[in-house]
Amino acid sequence: MTPTRVWSLVALGAVCAVASWLGLRVAYSSLPPLPWTGVPALLLLAIAESWSGRNLRARLRGRVGSKPIVPIAVARMAALAKASSLAGALVGGLTAGFLIYVLGSLDKSTPRSDAFAAGCTLASAVLLVLAALYLERGCLARPLDQDDDGRPA
């Protein structure tokens, strides 16, 4: 498994934003208001993944007071991070397209509340992507010829 490239996440988000915007041009009037339930869910995932990334990094580096970690757990965390970054980019792209679409009609109450919900969901999705990338980078083993500061030993 290769590390996630930021540009592939940006491309996925852009494609989803365009698809969302095009779909909303056809069906926005028949949709219910955008729910807020995605915001706390994405934020909780982002917090959990950043906390896991910090702990995983400490355990892999053998910091004092931390237990060693089994290699399969590191592989599972890397898979979780990769899936979360892709899901965050997908959700972020969809809500970005939603936000772009409703920005043109903020004078009405329903599109205004949809814009706030989409903006908060987009921010939460970006935080999830950043936390997932942090967790994925924490899963990388440092080279044996480097110390904790990243300098050659």
N, C-alpha and C. Protein backbone atom coordinates (compact mmCIF):
# COMPACT_ATOMS: atom_id res chain seq x y z
N MET A 1 0.86 -1.17 0.00
CA MET A 1 0.00 0.00 0.00
C MET A 1 0.90 1.23 0.00
N THR A 2 0.62 2.12 -0.90
CA THR A 2 1.41 3.35 -0.99
C THR A 2 0.76 4.45 -0.17
N PRO A 3 1.57 5.43 0.28
CA PRO A 3 0.98 6.55 1.03
C PRO A 3 0.01 7.35 0.17
N THR A 4 -0.98 7.91 0.82
CA THR A 4 -2.00 8.69 0.11
C THR A 4 -1.38 9.98 -0.41
N ARG A 5 -1.66 10.29 -1.63
CA ARG A 5 -1.18 11.55 -2.22
C ARG A 5 -2.26 12.62 -2.04
N VAL A 6 -1.83 13.78 -1.62
CA VAL A 6 -2.76 14.87 -1.36
C VAL A 6 -3.47 15.26 -2.65
N TRP A 7 -2.76 15.24 -3.76
CA TRP A 7 -3.38 15.64 -5.03
C TRP A 7 -4.49 14.70 -5.46
N SER A 8 -4.36 13.42 -5.12
CA SER A 8 -5.45 12.50 -5.46
C SER A 8 -6.69 12.80 -4.62
N LEU A 9 -6.50 13.21 -3.37
CA LEU A 9 -7.63 13.61 -2.54
C LEU A 9 -8.27 14.89 -3.05
N VAL A 10 -7.45 15.83 -3.49
CA VAL A 10 -7.98 17.08 -4.05
C VAL A 10 -8.76 16.79 -5.34
N ALA A 11 -8.22 15.91 -6.17
CA ALA A 11 -8.91 15.56 -7.41
C ALA A 11 -10.24 14.87 -7.13
N LEU A 12 -10.26 13.95 -6.16
CA LEU A 12 -11.51 13.29 -5.79
C LEU A 12 -12.52 14.30 -5.27
N GLY A 13 -12.07 15.21 -4.43
CA GLY A 13 -12.96 16.24 -3.91
C GLY A 13 -13.51 17.13 -5.01
N ALA A 14 -12.67 17.49 -5.97
CA ALA A 14 -13.12 18.35 -7.07
C ALA A 14 -14.15 17.64 -7.95
N VAL A 15 -13.91 16.38 -8.24
CA VAL A 15 -14.87 15.62 -9.05
C VAL A 15 -16.20 15.49 -8.33
N CYS A 16 -16.15 15.22 -7.03
CA CYS A 16 -17.39 15.11 -6.24
C CYS A 16 -18.11 16.45 -6.15
N ALA A 17 -17.35 17.54 -6.06
CA ALA A 17 -17.97 18.87 -5.99
C ALA A 17 -18.70 19.19 -7.29
N VAL A 18 -18.08 18.88 -8.42
CA VAL A 18 -18.72 19.14 -9.70
C VAL A 18 -19.97 18.26 -9.86
N ALA A 19 -19.85 17.00 -9.50
CA ALA A 19 -21.01 16.10 -9.61
C ALA A 19 -22.15 16.55 -8.69
N SER A 20 -21.81 16.98 -7.49
CA SER A 20 -22.83 17.46 -6.56
C SER A 20 -23.50 18.72 -7.09
N TRP A 21 -22.71 19.63 -7.59
CA TRP A 21 -23.26 20.88 -8.12
C TRP A 21 -24.19 20.61 -9.31
N LEU A 22 -23.76 19.71 -10.19
CA LEU A 22 -24.61 19.37 -11.34
C LEU A 22 -25.90 18.68 -10.91
N GLY A 23 -25.81 17.80 -9.95
CA GLY A 23 -27.00 17.12 -9.45
C GLY A 23 -27.97 18.07 -8.75
N LEU A 24 -27.43 19.05 -8.04
CA LEU A 24 -28.29 20.00 -7.33
C LEU A 24 -28.99 20.96 -8.29
N ARG A 25 -28.39 21.22 -9.43
CA ARG A 25 -29.06 22.07 -10.42
C ARG A 25 -30.37 21.46 -10.87
N VAL A 26 -30.44 20.14 -10.84
CA VAL A 26 -31.63 19.43 -11.30
C VAL A 26 -32.61 19.19 -10.15
N ALA A 27 -32.11 18.85 -8.96
CA ALA A 27 -33.00 18.32 -7.93
C ALA A 27 -33.02 19.09 -6.61
N TYR A 28 -32.45 20.28 -6.52
CA TYR A 28 -32.37 20.97 -5.22
C TYR A 28 -33.74 21.26 -4.63
N SER A 29 -34.68 21.66 -5.44
CA SER A 29 -36.00 22.06 -4.91
C SER A 29 -36.77 20.90 -4.30
N SER A 30 -36.43 19.67 -4.67
CA SER A 30 -37.16 18.52 -4.13
C SER A 30 -36.44 17.86 -2.95
N LEU A 31 -35.29 18.38 -2.54
CA LEU A 31 -34.53 17.78 -1.45
C LEU A 31 -34.93 18.38 -0.10
N PRO A 32 -34.83 17.59 0.97
CA PRO A 32 -35.06 18.14 2.32
C PRO A 32 -33.86 18.99 2.73
N PRO A 33 -33.98 19.77 3.80
CA PRO A 33 -32.84 20.57 4.25
C PRO A 33 -31.64 19.68 4.60
N LEU A 34 -30.47 20.23 4.40
CA LEU A 34 -29.24 19.48 4.69
C LEU A 34 -29.10 19.27 6.20
N PRO A 35 -28.91 18.04 6.65
CA PRO A 35 -28.83 17.78 8.10
C PRO A 35 -27.46 18.18 8.67
N TRP A 36 -27.45 18.43 9.98
CA TRP A 36 -26.22 18.77 10.69
C TRP A 36 -25.53 17.55 11.28
N THR A 37 -26.10 16.38 11.13
CA THR A 37 -25.58 15.20 11.83
C THR A 37 -24.19 14.79 11.36
N GLY A 38 -23.79 15.19 10.18
CA GLY A 38 -22.46 14.83 9.71
C GLY A 38 -21.35 15.57 10.42
N VAL A 39 -21.64 16.76 10.91
CA VAL A 39 -20.60 17.58 11.54
C VAL A 39 -20.04 16.91 12.79
N PRO A 40 -20.86 16.55 13.79
CA PRO A 40 -20.25 15.92 14.97
C PRO A 40 -19.63 14.55 14.67
N ALA A 41 -20.20 13.81 13.75
CA ALA A 41 -19.64 12.50 13.41
C ALA A 41 -18.24 12.66 12.81
N LEU A 42 -18.10 13.58 11.88
CA LEU A 42 -16.79 13.80 11.25
C LEU A 42 -15.79 14.36 12.25
N LEU A 43 -16.25 15.26 13.13
CA LEU A 43 -15.34 15.82 14.14
C LEU A 43 -14.87 14.75 15.12
N LEU A 44 -15.77 13.88 15.55
CA LEU A 44 -15.37 12.80 16.46
C LEU A 44 -14.36 11.86 15.80
N LEU A 45 -14.58 11.55 14.54
CA LEU A 45 -13.61 10.71 13.82
C LEU A 45 -12.26 11.41 13.70
N ALA A 46 -12.27 12.70 13.42
CA ALA A 46 -11.02 13.45 13.29
C ALA A 46 -10.26 13.48 14.62
N ILE A 47 -10.98 13.70 15.72
CA ILE A 47 -10.34 13.72 17.03
C ILE A 47 -9.77 12.35 17.37
N ALA A 48 -10.53 11.30 17.12
CA ALA A 48 -10.07 9.95 17.43
C ALA A 48 -8.85 9.57 16.59
N GLU A 49 -8.85 9.95 15.34
CA GLU A 49 -7.72 9.59 14.48
C GLU A 49 -6.47 10.39 14.81
N SER A 50 -6.62 11.65 15.16
CA SER A 50 -5.43 12.43 15.52
C SER A 50 -4.86 11.94 16.85
N TRP A 51 -5.73 11.57 17.81
CA TRP A 51 -5.27 11.02 19.08
C TRP A 51 -4.57 9.68 18.84
N SER A 52 -5.15 8.85 17.99
CA SER A 52 -4.53 7.56 17.67
C SER A 52 -3.20 7.75 16.97
N GLY A 53 -3.12 8.75 16.11
CA GLY A 53 -1.86 9.02 15.42
C GLY A 53 -0.76 9.43 16.38
N ARG A 54 -1.11 10.24 17.36
CA ARG A 54 -0.12 10.67 18.35
C ARG A 54 0.35 9.49 19.18
N ASN A 55 -0.58 8.67 19.64
CA ASN A 55 -0.21 7.50 20.44
C ASN A 55 0.57 6.47 19.63
N LEU A 56 0.16 6.26 18.40
CA LEU A 56 0.84 5.29 17.55
C LEU A 56 2.27 5.71 17.28
N ARG A 57 2.45 6.99 17.03
CA ARG A 57 3.80 7.50 16.76
C ARG A 57 4.69 7.29 17.98
N ALA A 58 4.16 7.56 19.17
CA ALA A 58 4.94 7.37 20.39
C ALA A 58 5.28 5.90 20.61
N ARG A 59 4.33 5.03 20.32
CA ARG A 59 4.57 3.60 20.51
C ARG A 59 5.56 3.05 19.50
N LEU A 60 5.50 3.53 18.28
CA LEU A 60 6.45 3.06 17.26
C LEU A 60 7.86 3.55 17.55
N ARG A 61 7.99 4.70 18.14
CA ARG A 61 9.32 5.24 18.44
C ARG A 61 9.86 4.75 19.76
N GLY A 62 9.06 3.98 20.51
CA GLY A 62 9.54 3.41 21.75
C GLY A 62 9.72 4.42 22.85
N ARG A 63 8.86 5.42 22.91
CA ARG A 63 8.96 6.42 23.97
C ARG A 63 8.77 5.78 25.33
N VAL A 64 9.31 6.41 26.34
CA VAL A 64 9.23 5.90 27.71
C VAL A 64 7.77 5.86 28.15
N GLY A 65 7.37 4.76 28.74
CA GLY A 65 6.00 4.61 29.23
C GLY A 65 5.01 4.10 28.19
N SER A 66 5.47 3.83 26.99
CA SER A 66 4.55 3.32 25.97
C SER A 66 4.87 1.85 25.68
N LYS A 67 3.82 1.10 25.43
CA LYS A 67 3.98 -0.32 25.14
C LYS A 67 4.30 -0.51 23.66
N PRO A 68 5.06 -1.53 23.32
CA PRO A 68 5.29 -1.83 21.90
C PRO A 68 3.98 -2.20 21.22
N ILE A 69 3.93 -2.02 19.93
CA ILE A 69 2.70 -2.29 19.18
C ILE A 69 2.96 -3.42 18.19
N VAL A 70 1.96 -4.25 18.01
CA VAL A 70 2.07 -5.36 17.05
C VAL A 70 1.99 -4.82 15.62
N PRO A 71 2.75 -5.38 14.71
CA PRO A 71 2.76 -4.87 13.34
C PRO A 71 1.40 -4.89 12.65
N ILE A 72 0.55 -5.88 12.93
CA ILE A 72 -0.75 -5.93 12.27
C ILE A 72 -1.62 -4.75 12.69
N ALA A 73 -1.44 -4.26 13.91
CA ALA A 73 -2.20 -3.10 14.37
C ALA A 73 -1.79 -1.85 13.59
N VAL A 74 -0.53 -1.75 13.26
CA VAL A 74 -0.06 -0.62 12.46
C VAL A 74 -0.65 -0.68 11.06
N ALA A 75 -0.70 -1.89 10.49
CA ALA A 75 -1.29 -2.05 9.15
C ALA A 75 -2.78 -1.71 9.17
N ARG A 76 -3.46 -2.10 10.23
CA ARG A 76 -4.90 -1.77 10.33
C ARG A 76 -5.11 -0.27 10.47
N MET A 77 -4.27 0.38 11.24
CA MET A 77 -4.37 1.84 11.39
C MET A 77 -4.08 2.54 10.06
N ALA A 78 -3.13 2.02 9.31
CA ALA A 78 -2.83 2.61 8.00
C ALA A 78 -4.01 2.45 7.05
N ALA A 79 -4.66 1.30 7.09
CA ALA A 79 -5.84 1.08 6.25
C ALA A 79 -6.98 1.99 6.67
N LEU A 80 -7.18 2.16 7.98
CA LEU A 80 -8.20 3.07 8.48
C LEU A 80 -7.92 4.50 8.04
N ALA A 81 -6.67 4.91 8.13
CA ALA A 81 -6.30 6.26 7.73
C ALA A 81 -6.54 6.49 6.24
N LYS A 82 -6.17 5.53 5.44
CA LYS A 82 -6.38 5.66 3.99
C LYS A 82 -7.87 5.74 3.65
N ALA A 83 -8.67 4.89 4.26
CA ALA A 83 -10.11 4.91 4.01
C ALA A 83 -10.74 6.21 4.51
N SER A 84 -10.31 6.68 5.65
CA SER A 84 -10.87 7.91 6.21
C SER A 84 -10.50 9.13 5.37
N SER A 85 -9.29 9.16 4.85
CA SER A 85 -8.91 10.30 4.02
C SER A 85 -9.72 10.32 2.72
N LEU A 86 -9.95 9.15 2.15
CA LEU A 86 -10.78 9.09 0.94
C LEU A 86 -12.23 9.46 1.22
N ALA A 87 -12.77 8.95 2.34
CA ALA A 87 -14.15 9.28 2.71
C ALA A 87 -14.29 10.77 3.02
N GLY A 88 -13.31 11.33 3.71
CA GLY A 88 -13.35 12.77 4.01
C GLY A 88 -13.28 13.61 2.75
N ALA A 89 -12.46 13.21 1.79
CA ALA A 89 -12.38 13.94 0.53
C ALA A 89 -13.69 13.83 -0.25
N LEU A 90 -14.31 12.67 -0.21
CA LEU A 90 -15.59 12.47 -0.90
C LEU A 90 -16.69 13.34 -0.27
N VAL A 91 -16.82 13.28 1.05
CA VAL A 91 -17.84 14.07 1.74
C VAL A 91 -17.54 15.56 1.59
N GLY A 92 -16.28 15.92 1.70
CA GLY A 92 -15.91 17.32 1.53
C GLY A 92 -16.23 17.84 0.14
N GLY A 93 -15.97 17.03 -0.86
CA GLY A 93 -16.30 17.44 -2.23
C GLY A 93 -17.79 17.59 -2.45
N LEU A 94 -18.56 16.64 -1.93
CA LEU A 94 -20.01 16.73 -2.08
C LEU A 94 -20.57 17.98 -1.40
N THR A 95 -20.09 18.26 -0.20
CA THR A 95 -20.59 19.44 0.50
C THR A 95 -20.04 20.73 -0.09
N ALA A 96 -18.86 20.68 -0.68
CA ALA A 96 -18.34 21.87 -1.36
C ALA A 96 -19.22 22.21 -2.56
N GLY A 97 -19.61 21.21 -3.33
CA GLY A 97 -20.53 21.46 -4.45
C GLY A 97 -21.87 21.98 -3.97
N PHE A 98 -22.34 21.45 -2.85
CA PHE A 98 -23.59 21.92 -2.26
C PHE A 98 -23.45 23.38 -1.85
N LEU A 99 -22.33 23.70 -1.20
CA LEU A 99 -22.11 25.07 -0.75
C LEU A 99 -22.00 26.04 -1.92
N ILE A 100 -21.31 25.64 -2.96
CA ILE A 100 -21.18 26.49 -4.14
C ILE A 100 -22.55 26.75 -4.77
N TYR A 101 -23.38 25.71 -4.79
CA TYR A 101 -24.70 25.88 -5.40
C TYR A 101 -25.58 26.83 -4.60
N VAL A 102 -25.60 26.71 -3.28
CA VAL A 102 -26.52 27.54 -2.48
C VAL A 102 -25.98 28.93 -2.20
N LEU A 103 -24.72 29.21 -2.50
CA LEU A 103 -24.19 30.55 -2.26
C LEU A 103 -24.89 31.61 -3.11
N GLY A 104 -25.46 31.21 -4.21
CA GLY A 104 -26.15 32.16 -5.08
C GLY A 104 -27.50 32.62 -4.55
N SER A 105 -28.05 31.95 -3.56
CA SER A 105 -29.38 32.33 -3.07
C SER A 105 -29.41 32.39 -1.54
N LEU A 106 -28.49 33.12 -0.96
CA LEU A 106 -28.43 33.24 0.49
C LEU A 106 -29.50 34.16 1.07
N ASP A 107 -30.24 34.86 0.21
CA ASP A 107 -31.29 35.75 0.71
C ASP A 107 -32.53 34.97 1.17
N LYS A 108 -32.63 33.70 0.82
CA LYS A 108 -33.75 32.86 1.25
C LYS A 108 -33.31 32.05 2.47
N SER A 109 -34.25 31.70 3.35
CA SER A 109 -33.88 31.06 4.61
C SER A 109 -33.39 29.62 4.45
N THR A 110 -34.02 28.83 3.61
CA THR A 110 -33.61 27.43 3.48
C THR A 110 -32.22 27.31 2.86
N PRO A 111 -31.92 28.00 1.76
CA PRO A 111 -30.55 27.91 1.24
C PRO A 111 -29.51 28.48 2.22
N ARG A 112 -29.89 29.47 3.03
CA ARG A 112 -28.95 30.03 4.00
C ARG A 112 -28.61 29.00 5.07
N SER A 113 -29.62 28.29 5.59
CA SER A 113 -29.33 27.26 6.59
C SER A 113 -28.58 26.08 5.96
N ASP A 114 -28.90 25.77 4.71
CA ASP A 114 -28.14 24.73 4.00
C ASP A 114 -26.69 25.13 3.81
N ALA A 115 -26.45 26.43 3.56
CA ALA A 115 -25.08 26.91 3.38
C ALA A 115 -24.29 26.78 4.67
N PHE A 116 -24.91 27.11 5.81
CA PHE A 116 -24.22 26.96 7.09
C PHE A 116 -23.91 25.49 7.37
N ALA A 117 -24.88 24.63 7.13
CA ALA A 117 -24.66 23.20 7.35
C ALA A 117 -23.58 22.65 6.42
N ALA A 118 -23.62 23.06 5.17
CA ALA A 118 -22.61 22.59 4.21
C ALA A 118 -21.23 23.13 4.56
N GLY A 119 -21.14 24.37 4.99
CA GLY A 119 -19.85 24.94 5.37
C GLY A 119 -19.25 24.23 6.57
N CYS A 120 -20.07 23.96 7.58
CA CYS A 120 -19.58 23.25 8.77
C CYS A 120 -19.20 21.81 8.44
N THR A 121 -19.97 21.17 7.58
CA THR A 121 -19.65 19.80 7.18
C THR A 121 -18.36 19.78 6.36
N LEU A 122 -18.18 20.76 5.50
CA LEU A 122 -16.96 20.85 4.71
C LEU A 122 -15.74 21.04 5.61
N ALA A 123 -15.86 21.92 6.60
CA ALA A 123 -14.74 22.14 7.53
C ALA A 123 -14.44 20.87 8.32
N SER A 124 -15.46 20.16 8.74
CA SER A 124 -15.28 18.90 9.47
C SER A 124 -14.62 17.84 8.59
N ALA A 125 -15.01 17.80 7.33
CA ALA A 125 -14.42 16.82 6.41
C ALA A 125 -12.94 17.13 6.16
N VAL A 126 -12.60 18.41 6.06
CA VAL A 126 -11.20 18.79 5.88
C VAL A 126 -10.39 18.39 7.12
N LEU A 127 -10.95 18.60 8.31
CA LEU A 127 -10.26 18.19 9.54
C LEU A 127 -10.08 16.67 9.59
N LEU A 128 -11.07 15.93 9.11
CA LEU A 128 -10.94 14.47 9.06
C LEU A 128 -9.82 14.05 8.11
N VAL A 129 -9.74 14.70 6.96
CA VAL A 129 -8.69 14.36 6.00
C VAL A 129 -7.32 14.66 6.61
N LEU A 130 -7.18 15.80 7.27
CA LEU A 130 -5.90 16.15 7.89
C LEU A 130 -5.53 15.16 9.00
N ALA A 131 -6.50 14.78 9.81
CA ALA A 131 -6.24 13.81 10.88
C ALA A 131 -5.88 12.45 10.30
N ALA A 132 -6.54 12.05 9.23
CA ALA A 132 -6.24 10.76 8.60
C ALA A 132 -4.84 10.77 7.99
N LEU A 133 -4.45 11.87 7.37
CA LEU A 133 -3.10 11.96 6.83
C LEU A 133 -2.05 11.93 7.94
N TYR A 134 -2.36 12.58 9.07
CA TYR A 134 -1.46 12.55 10.22
C TYR A 134 -1.32 11.12 10.76
N LEU A 135 -2.43 10.41 10.86
CA LEU A 135 -2.39 9.02 11.32
C LEU A 135 -1.61 8.16 10.34
N GLU A 136 -1.82 8.37 9.06
CA GLU A 136 -1.10 7.57 8.06
C GLU A 136 0.39 7.84 8.11
N ARG A 137 0.77 9.09 8.28
CA ARG A 137 2.20 9.42 8.38
C ARG A 137 2.79 8.84 9.66
N GLY A 138 1.99 8.72 10.71
CA GLY A 138 2.46 8.13 11.95
C GLY A 138 2.70 6.65 11.84
N CYS A 139 2.09 6.01 10.86
CA CYS A 139 2.27 4.58 10.66
C CYS A 139 3.58 4.24 9.95
N LEU A 140 4.21 5.24 9.37
CA LEU A 140 5.47 4.99 8.66
C LEU A 140 6.58 4.72 9.66
N ALA A 141 7.35 3.69 9.40
CA ALA A 141 8.50 3.40 10.25
C ALA A 141 9.65 4.32 9.86
N ARG A 142 10.33 4.84 10.85
CA ARG A 142 11.47 5.71 10.55
C ARG A 142 12.65 4.84 10.16
N PRO A 143 13.54 5.36 9.33
CA PRO A 143 14.72 4.58 8.97
C PRO A 143 15.58 4.26 10.20
N LEU A 144 16.25 3.13 10.17
CA LEU A 144 17.05 2.71 11.32
C LEU A 144 18.24 3.61 11.57
N ASP A 145 18.70 4.34 10.57
CA ASP A 145 19.87 5.18 10.75
C ASP A 145 19.52 6.61 11.17
N GLN A 146 18.31 6.85 11.68
CA GLN A 146 17.92 8.17 12.16
C GLN A 146 17.48 8.08 13.61
N ASP A 147 17.72 9.18 14.33
CA ASP A 147 17.25 9.22 15.71
C ASP A 147 15.89 9.89 15.76
N ASP A 148 15.38 10.22 16.96
CA ASP A 148 14.02 10.77 17.13
C ASP A 148 13.84 12.13 16.46
N ASP A 149 14.91 12.88 16.26
CA ASP A 149 14.80 14.21 15.65
C ASP A 149 14.82 14.16 14.14
N GLY A 150 15.05 12.98 13.55
CA GLY A 150 15.09 12.86 12.11
C GLY A 150 16.48 13.08 11.54
N ARG A 151 17.45 13.34 12.39
CA ARG A 151 18.83 13.54 11.94
C ARG A 151 19.55 12.20 11.88
N PRO A 152 20.53 12.09 11.01
CA PRO A 152 21.30 10.84 10.96
C PRO A 152 21.95 10.54 12.30
N ALA A 153 21.97 9.27 12.68
CA ALA A 153 22.53 8.88 13.98
C ALA A 153 24.04 8.87 13.93
